[in-house]
Amino acid sequence: MDEQQKIRAALARLADVLADIAATASVKNTERCPYKTVASLCTFHGGCMNQLRAPDEPVCCSGDHLIVWQAATHVTPATEPS
């Protein structure tokens, strides 16, 4: 096997490993709120039912397991006051 074939084989193995990592990351991406920091603080400013608010404390995320993932097109529009 010449040098070029060794390089191609190594690149093919690397591509397989990176494909597995990317697939795992895609799955994990839907399991965690994108607004949750490493310290479990919530950075979403739109209001979320999973936010825990305590006086004089940063807003905390109360749990990724409660997140309902839906497309924005599936959100029911608010009714206008009469």
Protein backbone atom coordinates (compact mmCIF):
# COMPACT_ATOMS: atom_id res chain seq x y z
CA MET A 1 0.00 0.00 0.00
CA ASP A 2 1.57 3.29 -1.04
CA GLU A 3 1.49 6.51 0.99
CA GLN A 4 -1.48 7.97 -0.87
CA GLN A 5 -3.61 4.86 -0.23
CA LYS A 6 -2.71 4.98 3.47
CA ILE A 7 -3.81 8.59 3.63
CA ARG A 8 -7.09 7.82 1.86
CA ALA A 9 -7.77 4.91 4.24
CA ALA A 10 -7.04 7.12 7.26
CA LEU A 11 -9.34 9.84 5.92
CA ALA A 12 -12.11 7.27 5.34
CA ARG A 13 -11.80 6.05 8.95
CA LEU A 14 -11.85 9.64 10.19
CA ALA A 15 -14.95 10.39 8.10
CA ASP A 16 -16.73 7.38 9.66
CA VAL A 17 -15.87 8.51 13.18
CA LEU A 18 -16.97 12.08 12.51
CA ALA A 19 -20.24 10.87 10.94
CA ASP A 20 -21.02 8.91 14.12
CA ILE A 21 -20.23 11.96 16.26
CA ALA A 22 -22.46 14.18 14.09
CA ALA A 23 -25.34 11.69 14.28
CA THR A 24 -25.09 11.52 18.07
CA ALA A 25 -24.94 15.33 18.32
CA SER A 26 -28.08 15.65 16.20
CA VAL A 27 -29.99 13.34 18.54
CA LYS A 28 -28.66 15.01 21.70
CA ASN A 29 -29.50 18.43 20.29
CA THR A 30 -33.23 17.72 20.73
CA GLU A 31 -32.78 16.54 24.33
CA ARG A 32 -31.45 19.80 25.74
CA CYS A 33 -32.91 23.27 25.68
CA PRO A 34 -30.73 25.51 23.49
CA TYR A 35 -31.19 28.39 25.95
CA LYS A 36 -29.88 26.47 28.98
CA THR A 37 -26.34 27.29 30.07
CA VAL A 38 -23.86 24.90 31.64
CA ALA A 39 -24.87 26.33 35.04
CA SER A 40 -28.58 25.53 34.29
CA LEU A 41 -29.43 29.20 33.85
CA CYS A 42 -32.09 30.14 31.31
CA THR A 43 -31.11 32.75 28.73
CA PHE A 44 -34.47 32.81 26.92
CA HIS A 45 -36.11 36.21 27.30
CA GLY A 46 -39.49 35.24 25.86
CA GLY A 47 -40.84 33.47 28.93
CA CYS A 48 -40.92 29.72 29.35
CA MET A 49 -43.03 27.48 31.57
CA ASN A 50 -39.82 25.74 32.74
CA GLN A 51 -38.22 28.90 34.11
CA LEU A 52 -37.74 29.11 37.87
CA ARG A 53 -37.70 32.65 39.17
CA ALA A 54 -36.50 33.54 42.64
CA PRO A 55 -36.15 37.08 43.98
CA ASP A 56 -32.70 38.55 43.30
CA GLU A 57 -31.52 35.37 41.56
CA PRO A 58 -30.85 34.57 37.90
CA VAL A 59 -33.59 32.69 36.05
CA CYS A 60 -32.96 28.92 36.23
CA CYS A 61 -34.10 26.13 33.93
CA SER A 62 -36.26 23.63 35.79
CA GLY A 63 -35.81 20.75 33.38
CA ASP A 64 -35.14 19.74 29.81
CA HIS A 65 -37.47 16.76 30.21
CA LEU A 66 -40.47 19.10 30.20
CA ILE A 67 -39.70 20.79 26.88
CA VAL A 68 -42.33 20.38 24.19
CA TRP A 69 -40.56 20.62 20.84
CA GLN A 70 -42.81 21.94 18.11
CA ALA A 71 -42.36 24.02 15.03
CA ALA A 72 -43.30 27.69 15.26
CA THR A 73 -45.95 27.09 12.62
CA HIS A 74 -47.78 24.81 15.07
CA VAL A 75 -48.14 27.45 17.77
CA THR A 76 -51.72 28.59 18.27
CA PRO A 77 -51.92 32.36 17.76
CA ALA A 78 -53.13 34.41 20.70
CA THR A 79 -56.70 35.63 20.47
CA GLU A 80 -57.26 39.34 20.17
CA PRO A 81 -59.21 41.03 22.96
CA SER A 82 -62.69 42.13 21.96
